PDB file of N, CA and C in Angstrom:
ATOM      1  N   UNK A   1      -6.185  11.836  -6.886  1.00  0.00           N
ATOM      2  CA  UNK A   1      -5.955  10.330  -6.642  1.00  0.00           C
ATOM      3  C   UNK A   1      -6.050  10.102  -5.430  1.00  0.00           C
ATOM      4  N   UNK A   2      -5.443  10.798  -4.674  1.00  0.00           N
ATOM      5  CA  UNK A   2      -5.226  10.674  -3.165  1.00  0.00           C
ATOM      6  C   UNK A   2      -6.639  10.660  -2.139  1.00  0.00           C
ATOM      7  N   UNK A   3      -7.248  11.797  -2.975  1.00  0.00           N
ATOM      8  CA  UNK A   3      -8.672  12.027  -2.322  1.00  0.00           C
ATOM      9  C   UNK A   3      -9.800  10.605  -2.214  1.00  0.00           C
ATOM     10  N   UNK A   4      -9.458  10.114  -3.489  1.00  0.00           N
ATOM     11  CA  UNK A   4     -10.386   9.008  -4.127  1.00  0.00           C
ATOM     12  C   UNK A   4      -9.704   7.856  -3.309  1.00  0.00           C
ATOM     13  N   UNK A   5      -8.530   7.876  -2.904  1.00  0.00           N
ATOM     14  CA  UNK A   5      -7.890   6.501  -2.305  1.00  0.00           C
ATOM     15  C   UNK A   5      -8.610   6.527  -0.637  1.00  0.00           C
ATOM     16  N   UNK A   6      -8.282   7.737  -0.056  1.00  0.00           N
ATOM     17  CA  UNK A   6      -8.589   8.022   1.036  1.00  0.00           C
ATOM     18  C   UNK A   6     -10.063   7.836   1.392  1.00  0.00           C
ATOM     19  N   UNK A   7     -10.999   7.966   0.623  1.00  0.00           N
ATOM     20  CA  UNK A   7     -12.507   7.792   0.703  1.00  0.00           C
ATOM     21  C   UNK A   7     -12.601   6.216   0.442  1.00  0.00           C
ATOM     22  N   UNK A   8     -11.807   5.652  -0.113  1.00  0.00           N
ATOM     23  CA  UNK A   8     -12.016   4.212  -0.551  1.00  0.00           C
ATOM     24  C   UNK A   8     -11.677   3.474   0.659  1.00  0.00           C
ATOM     25  N   UNK A   9     -10.549   3.783   1.286  1.00  0.00           N
ATOM     26  CA  UNK A   9     -10.006   3.603   2.799  1.00  0.00           C
ATOM     27  C   UNK A   9     -11.313   3.770   3.568  1.00  0.00           C
ATOM     28  N   UNK A  10     -11.929   4.575   3.827  1.00  0.00           N
ATOM     29  CA  UNK A  10     -12.833   4.813   4.593  1.00  0.00           C
ATOM     30  C   UNK A  10     -14.213   4.006   4.572  1.00  0.00           C
ATOM     31  N   UNK A  11     -14.631   3.731   3.204  1.00  0.00           N
ATOM     32  CA  UNK A  11     -15.781   2.807   3.061  1.00  0.00           C
ATOM     33  C   UNK A  11     -15.335   1.515   3.040  1.00  0.00           C
ATOM     34  N   UNK A  12     -14.236   0.909   2.759  1.00  0.00           N
ATOM     35  CA  UNK A  12     -13.612  -0.242   2.577  1.00  0.00           C
ATOM     36  C   UNK A  12     -12.468  -0.523   3.426  1.00  0.00           C
ATOM     37  N   UNK A  13     -12.307  -0.352   4.884  1.00  0.00           N
ATOM     38  CA  UNK A  13     -11.159  -0.532   5.680  1.00  0.00           C
ATOM     39  C   UNK A  13     -10.726  -1.718   5.462  1.00  0.00           C
ATOM     40  N   UNK A  14     -11.273  -3.083   4.956  1.00  0.00           N
ATOM     41  CA  UNK A  14     -10.551  -4.321   5.147  1.00  0.00           C
ATOM     42  C   UNK A  14     -10.044  -4.558   3.695  1.00  0.00           C
ATOM     43  N   UNK A  15      -9.596  -3.483   2.993  1.00  0.00           N
ATOM     44  CA  UNK A  15      -9.200  -3.689   1.534  1.00  0.00           C
ATOM     45  C   UNK A  15      -7.518  -3.462   1.750  1.00  0.00           C
ATOM     46  N   UNK A  16      -6.697  -4.071   1.088  1.00  0.00           N
ATOM     47  CA  UNK A  16      -5.466  -3.685   1.228  1.00  0.00           C
ATOM     48  C   UNK A  16      -4.947  -2.708   0.363  1.00  0.00           C
ATOM     49  N   UNK A  17      -5.696  -2.960  -0.978  1.00  0.00           N
ATOM     50  CA  UNK A  17      -4.743  -2.514  -2.309  1.00  0.00           C
ATOM     51  C   UNK A  17      -4.951  -0.836  -2.226  1.00  0.00           C
ATOM     52  N   UNK A  18      -5.868  -0.352  -1.618  1.00  0.00           N
ATOM     53  CA  UNK A  18      -6.038   1.323  -1.879  1.00  0.00           C
ATOM     54  C   UNK A  18      -4.601   1.818  -0.960  1.00  0.00           C
ATOM     55  N   UNK A  19      -4.502   1.189  -0.034  1.00  0.00           N
ATOM     56  CA  UNK A  19      -3.232   1.434   1.328  1.00  0.00           C
ATOM     57  C   UNK A  19      -1.972   1.519   0.439  1.00  0.00           C
ATOM     58  N   UNK A  20      -1.729   0.162  -0.318  1.00  0.00           N
ATOM     59  CA  UNK A  20      -0.580   0.270  -1.429  1.00  0.00           C
ATOM     60  C   UNK A  20      -0.515   1.578  -2.137  1.00  0.00           C
ATOM     61  N   UNK A  21      -1.470   1.524  -2.752  1.00  0.00           N
ATOM     62  CA  UNK A  21      -1.653   2.765  -3.877  1.00  0.00           C
ATOM     63  C   UNK A  21      -1.031   3.966  -3.169  1.00  0.00           C
ATOM     64  N   UNK A  22      -1.954   4.282  -2.289  1.00  0.00           N
ATOM     65  CA  UNK A  22      -1.718   5.691  -1.768  1.00  0.00           C
ATOM     66  C   UNK A  22      -0.156   5.620  -0.860  1.00  0.00           C
ATOM     67  N   UNK A  23       0.423   4.461  -0.443  1.00  0.00           N
ATOM     68  CA  UNK A  23       1.333   4.456  -0.006  1.00  0.00           C
ATOM     69  C   UNK A  23       2.630   4.788  -1.281  1.00  0.00           C
ATOM     70  N   UNK A  24       2.454   4.240  -2.261  1.00  0.00           N
ATOM     71  CA  UNK A  24       3.259   4.613  -3.429  1.00  0.00           C
ATOM     72  C   UNK A  24       3.362   6.024  -4.017  1.00  0.00           C
ATOM     73  N   UNK A  25       1.918   6.589  -4.011  1.00  0.00           N
ATOM     74  CA  UNK A  25       1.666   8.273  -4.131  1.00  0.00           C
ATOM     75  C   UNK A  25       2.815   8.827  -2.771  1.00  0.00           C
ATOM     76  N   UNK A  26       2.512   8.267  -1.942  1.00  0.00           N
ATOM     77  CA  UNK A  26       3.428   9.231  -1.001  1.00  0.00           C
ATOM     78  C   UNK A  26       4.815   8.976  -1.055  1.00  0.00           C
ATOM     79  N   UNK A  27       5.250   7.809  -1.323  1.00  0.00           N
ATOM     80  CA  UNK A  27       6.560   7.719  -1.512  1.00  0.00           C
ATOM     81  C   UNK A  27       7.251   8.459  -2.655  1.00  0.00           C
ATOM     82  N   UNK A  28       6.241   8.633  -3.782  1.00  0.00           N
ATOM     83  CA  UNK A  28       6.848   9.228  -5.151  1.00  0.00           C
ATOM     84  C   UNK A  28       6.623  10.771  -4.652  1.00  0.00           C
ATOM     85  N   UNK A  29       6.243  11.235  -3.566  1.00  0.00           N
ATOM     86  CA  UNK A  29       6.265  12.783  -3.355  1.00  0.00           C
ATOM     87  C   UNK A  29       7.411  12.867  -2.064  1.00  0.00           C
ATOM     88  N   UNK A  30       7.988  11.761  -1.646  1.00  0.00           N
ATOM     89  CA  UNK A  30       8.950  11.935  -1.003  1.00  0.00           C
ATOM     90  C   UNK A  30       8.105  11.725   0.848  1.00  0.00           C
ATOM     91  N   UNK A  31       7.386  11.344   1.051  1.00  0.00           N
ATOM     92  CA  UNK A  31       6.742  11.492   2.156  1.00  0.00           C
ATOM     93  C   UNK A  31       6.810   9.996   2.766  1.00  0.00           C
ATOM     94  N   UNK A  32       8.056   9.869   3.118  1.00  0.00           N
ATOM     95  CA  UNK A  32       8.082   8.233   3.609  1.00  0.00           C
ATOM     96  C   UNK A  32       7.342   7.798   4.441  1.00  0.00           C
ATOM     97  N   UNK A  33       7.294   8.770   5.701  1.00  0.00           N
ATOM     98  CA  UNK A  33       6.696   8.194   6.740  1.00  0.00           C
ATOM     99  C   UNK A  33       5.416   7.507   6.279  1.00  0.00           C
ATOM    100  N   UNK A  34       4.571   8.263   5.915  1.00  0.00           N
ATOM    101  CA  UNK A  34       3.024   8.118   5.515  1.00  0.00           C
ATOM    102  C   UNK A  34       3.170   6.989   4.478  1.00  0.00           C
ATOM    103  N   UNK A  35       4.182   7.012   3.425  1.00  0.00           N
ATOM    104  CA  UNK A  35       4.189   5.841   2.600  1.00  0.00           C
ATOM    105  C   UNK A  35       4.492   4.310   3.328  1.00  0.00           C
ATOM    106  N   UNK A  36       4.967   4.512   4.332  1.00  0.00           N
ATOM    107  CA  UNK A  36       5.446   3.201   5.420  1.00  0.00           C
ATOM    108  C   UNK A  36       4.320   2.618   5.735  1.00  0.00           C
ATOM    109  N   UNK A  37       3.525   3.957   6.397  1.00  0.00           N
ATOM    110  CA  UNK A  37       2.355   3.717   7.309  1.00  0.00           C
ATOM    111  C   UNK A  37       1.510   2.778   6.265  1.00  0.00           C
ATOM    112  N   UNK A  38       1.196   3.416   5.202  1.00  0.00           N
ATOM    113  CA  UNK A  38       0.153   2.634   4.255  1.00  0.00           C
ATOM    114  C   UNK A  38       0.639   1.330   3.599  1.00  0.00           C
ATOM    115  N   UNK A  39       1.717   1.116   3.285  1.00  0.00           N
ATOM    116  CA  UNK A  39       2.350   0.125   3.091  1.00  0.00           C
ATOM    117  C   UNK A  39       2.254  -0.961   4.191  1.00  0.00           C
ATOM    118  N   UNK A  40       2.514  -0.572   5.306  1.00  0.00           N
ATOM    119  CA  UNK A  40       2.699  -1.449   6.510  1.00  0.00           C
ATOM    120  C   UNK A  40       0.953  -2.026   7.140  1.00  0.00           C
ATOM    121  N   UNK A  41      -0.053  -0.886   6.892  1.00  0.00           N
ATOM    122  CA  UNK A  41      -1.267  -1.468   6.957  1.00  0.00           C
ATOM    123  C   UNK A  41      -1.594  -2.445   5.656  1.00  0.00           C
ATOM    124  N   UNK A  42      -1.549  -1.773   4.673  1.00  0.00           N
ATOM    125  CA  UNK A  42      -1.851  -2.763   3.323  1.00  0.00           C
ATOM    126  C   UNK A  42      -1.035  -4.060   3.557  1.00  0.00           C
ATOM    127  N   UNK A  43      -0.017  -4.210   4.023  1.00  0.00           N
ATOM    128  CA  UNK A  43       0.560  -5.831   4.031  1.00  0.00           C
ATOM    129  C   UNK A  43      -0.131  -6.446   5.237  1.00  0.00           C
ATOM    130  N   UNK A  44      -0.582  -5.952   6.072  1.00  0.00           N
ATOM    131  CA  UNK A  44      -1.176  -6.861   7.130  1.00  0.00           C
ATOM    132  C   UNK A  44      -2.394  -7.197   6.782  1.00  0.00           C
ATOM    133  N   UNK A  45      -3.176  -6.442   6.107  1.00  0.00           N
ATOM    134  CA  UNK A  45      -4.444  -6.537   5.724  1.00  0.00           C
ATOM    135  C   UNK A  45      -4.112  -8.143   4.683  1.00  0.00           C
ATOM    136  N   UNK A  46      -3.113  -7.772   3.545  1.00  0.00           N
ATOM    137  CA  UNK A  46      -3.171  -8.752   2.729  1.00  0.00           C
ATOM    138  C   UNK A  46      -2.844 -10.214   3.378  1.00  0.00           C
ATOM    139  N   UNK A  47      -1.798  -9.919   4.826  1.00  0.00           N
ATOM    140  CA  UNK A  47      -1.381 -11.401   5.332  1.00  0.00           C
ATOM    141  C   UNK A  47      -2.728 -11.944   6.014  1.00  0.00           C
ATOM    142  N   UNK A  48      -3.618 -10.974   6.603  1.00  0.00           N
ATOM    143  CA  UNK A  48      -4.860 -11.277   7.291  1.00  0.00           C
ATOM    144  C   UNK A  48      -5.636 -11.926   6.638  1.00  0.00           C
ATOM    145  N   UNK A  49      -5.912 -11.603   5.021  1.00  0.00           N
ATOM    146  CA  UNK A  49      -6.853 -12.299   4.255  1.00  0.00           C
ATOM    147  C   UNK A  49      -6.531 -13.317   3.483  1.00  0.00           C
ATOM    148  N   UNK A  50      -5.269 -13.128   3.115  1.00  0.00           N
ATOM    149  CA  UNK A  50      -4.317 -14.342   2.398  1.00  0.00           C
ATOM    150  C   UNK A  50      -4.857 -14.341   0.874  1.00  0.00           C
ATOM    151  N   UNK A  51      -5.654 -13.356   0.270  1.00  0.00           N
ATOM    152  CA  UNK A  51      -6.061 -12.941  -0.933  1.00  0.00           C
ATOM    153  C   UNK A  51      -6.081 -11.787  -1.121  1.00  0.00           C
ATOM    154  N   UNK A  52      -5.714 -11.451  -2.255  1.00  0.00           N
ATOM    155  CA  UNK A  52      -5.984  -9.653  -2.879  1.00  0.00           C
ATOM    156  C   UNK A  52      -7.291  -9.356  -3.041  1.00  0.00           C
ATOM    157  N   UNK A  53      -8.109  -8.635  -3.087  1.00  0.00           N
ATOM    158  CA  UNK A  53      -9.483  -8.029  -3.495  1.00  0.00           C
ATOM    159  C   UNK A  53      -9.283  -7.608  -4.870  1.00  0.00           C
ATOM    160  N   UNK A  54      -8.134  -7.243  -5.223  1.00  0.00           N
ATOM    161  CA  UNK A  54      -7.969  -6.543  -6.581  1.00  0.00           C
ATOM    162  C   UNK A  54      -6.952  -8.247  -7.475  1.00  0.00           C
ATOM    163  N   UNK A  55      -8.077  -8.841  -8.096  1.00  0.00           N
ATOM    164  CA  UNK A  55      -7.246 -10.469  -8.204  1.00  0.00           C
ATOM    165  C   UNK A  55      -6.425  -9.677  -9.860  1.00  0.00           C
ATOM    166  N   UNK A  56      -6.141  -8.502 -10.567  1.00  0.00           N
ATOM    167  CA  UNK A  56      -5.167  -8.270 -11.384  1.00  0.00           C
ATOM    168  C   UNK A  56      -3.797  -8.623 -11.295  1.00  0.00           C
ATOM    169  N   UNK A  57      -3.352  -8.708 -10.092  1.00  0.00           N
ATOM    170  CA  UNK A  57      -2.335  -9.143  -9.593  1.00  0.00           C
ATOM    171  C   UNK A  57      -2.552 -10.425  -8.566  1.00  0.00           C
ATOM    172  N   UNK A  58      -1.616 -11.006  -8.490  1.00  0.00           N
ATOM    173  CA  UNK A  58      -1.401 -12.139  -7.453  1.00  0.00           C
ATOM    174  C   UNK A  58      -1.076 -11.798  -6.073  1.00  0.00           C
ATOM    175  N   UNK A  59      -1.792 -12.499  -5.188  1.00  0.00           N
ATOM    176  CA  UNK A  59      -1.465 -12.003  -3.914  1.00  0.00           C
ATOM    177  C   UNK A  59       0.054 -12.119  -3.599  1.00  0.00           C
ATOM    178  N   UNK A  60       0.916 -12.971  -3.944  1.00  0.00           N
ATOM    179  CA  UNK A  60       2.498 -12.716  -3.892  1.00  0.00           C
ATOM    180  C   UNK A  60       3.000 -11.190  -4.695  1.00  0.00           C
ATOM    181  N   UNK A  61       2.285 -10.835  -5.782  1.00  0.00           N
ATOM    182  CA  UNK A  61       2.843  -9.621  -6.183  1.00  0.00           C
ATOM    183  C   UNK A  61       2.660  -8.583  -5.293  1.00  0.00           C
ATOM    184  N   UNK A  62       1.150  -8.266  -4.884  1.00  0.00           N
ATOM    185  CA  UNK A  62       0.869  -7.456  -4.001  1.00  0.00           C
ATOM    186  C   UNK A  62       1.568  -7.259  -2.762  1.00  0.00           C
ATOM    187  N   UNK A  63       2.096  -8.439  -2.289  1.00  0.00           N
ATOM    188  CA  UNK A  63       2.894  -8.505  -1.060  1.00  0.00           C
ATOM    189  C   UNK A  63       4.322  -7.839  -1.124  1.00  0.00           C
ATOM    190  N   UNK A  64       4.635  -8.408  -2.408  1.00  0.00           N
ATOM    191  CA  UNK A  64       5.910  -8.187  -3.070  1.00  0.00           C
ATOM    192  C   UNK A  64       6.288  -6.485  -3.418  1.00  0.00           C
ATOM    193  N   UNK A  65       5.033  -5.967  -3.788  1.00  0.00           N
ATOM    194  CA  UNK A  65       5.019  -4.293  -3.722  1.00  0.00           C
ATOM    195  C   UNK A  65       5.048  -3.496  -2.530  1.00  0.00           C
ATOM    196  N   UNK A  66       3.966  -4.117  -1.363  1.00  0.00           N
ATOM    197  CA  UNK A  66       4.104  -3.647  -0.241  1.00  0.00           C
ATOM    198  C   UNK A  66       5.243  -3.631   0.473  1.00  0.00           C
ATOM    199  N   UNK A  67       6.084  -4.603   0.153  1.00  0.00           N
ATOM    200  CA  UNK A  67       7.327  -4.594   0.486  1.00  0.00           C
ATOM    201  C   UNK A  67       8.258  -4.018  -0.036  1.00  0.00           C
ATOM    202  N   UNK A  68       8.475  -3.813  -1.323  1.00  0.00           N
ATOM    203  CA  UNK A  68       9.014  -2.609  -1.770  1.00  0.00           C
ATOM    204  C   UNK A  68       8.834  -1.089  -1.238  1.00  0.00           C
ATOM    205  N   UNK A  69       7.395  -0.899  -1.531  1.00  0.00           N
ATOM    206  CA  UNK A  69       7.373   0.322  -0.886  1.00  0.00           C
ATOM    207  C   UNK A  69       7.887   0.746   0.553  1.00  0.00           C
ATOM    208  N   UNK A  70       7.817  -0.536   1.666  1.00  0.00           N
ATOM    209  CA  UNK A  70       8.281  -0.280   2.958  1.00  0.00           C
ATOM    210  C   UNK A  70       9.868  -0.365   2.940  1.00  0.00           C
ATOM    211  N   UNK A  71      10.615  -1.057   1.930  1.00  0.00           N
ATOM    212  CA  UNK A  71      12.204  -0.871   2.136  1.00  0.00           C
ATOM    213  C   UNK A  71      12.390   0.523   1.580  1.00  0.00           C
ATOM    214  N   UNK A  72      11.927   1.028   0.308  1.00  0.00           N
ATOM    215  CA  UNK A  72      12.060   1.824  -0.239  1.00  0.00           C
ATOM    216  C   UNK A  72      12.096   3.323   0.771  1.00  0.00           C
ATOM    217  N   UNK A  73      10.963   3.411   1.480  1.00  0.00           N
ATOM    218  CA  UNK A  73      10.624   4.188   2.527  1.00  0.00           C
ATOM    219  C   UNK A  73      11.477   3.975   3.443  1.00  0.00           C
ATOM    220  N   UNK A  74      11.783   3.199   3.874  1.00  0.00           N
ATOM    221  CA  UNK A  74      13.350   3.176   5.082  1.00  0.00           C
ATOM    222  C   UNK A  74      14.045   3.573   4.674  1.00  0.00           C
ATOM    223  N   UNK A  75      14.542   3.545   3.591  1.00  0.00           N
ATOM    224  CA  UNK A  75      15.748   4.155   2.682  1.00  0.00           C
ATOM    225  C   UNK A  75      15.851   5.619   2.336  1.00  0.00           C
ATOM    226  N   UNK A  76      14.353   5.905   2.274  1.00  0.00           N
ATOM    227  CA  UNK A  76      14.126   7.160   1.631  1.00  0.00           C
ATOM    228  C   UNK A  76      14.494   7.559   0.542  1.00  0.00           C
ATOM    229  N   UNK A  77      14.282   6.732  -0.266  1.00  0.00           N
ATOM    230  CA  UNK A  77      14.419   6.841  -1.614  1.00  0.00           C
ATOM    231  C   UNK A  77      13.323   6.103  -2.613  1.00  0.00           C
ATOM    232  N   UNK A  78      13.029   6.756  -3.800  1.00  0.00           N
ATOM    233  CA  UNK A  78      12.149   6.196  -4.472  1.00  0.00           C
ATOM    234  C   UNK A  78      12.270   6.443  -6.201  1.00  0.00           C
ATOM    235  N   UNK A  79      12.281   5.107  -6.713  1.00  0.00           N
ATOM    236  CA  UNK A  79      12.825   5.005  -8.016  1.00  0.00           C
ATOM    237  C   UNK A  79      12.461   6.379  -9.106  1.00  0.00           C
TER     238      UNK A  79
END
């Protein structure tokens, strides 16, 4: 999944959700610096656009997920 998400980011640099999914993967592996970097980028893109590209979750849900990844990464723990 990591390779596909990185490819997606290259081809769609203005979409937040691939960054957040990649951040989640990195957090689950204990790569908290990388997780926080992607969560920060995804959150910034969500705030810039004001709407998610992936409409399966609301904008507020994506923002909350980005903040969760950031918070857990700063604490260096993942559930």
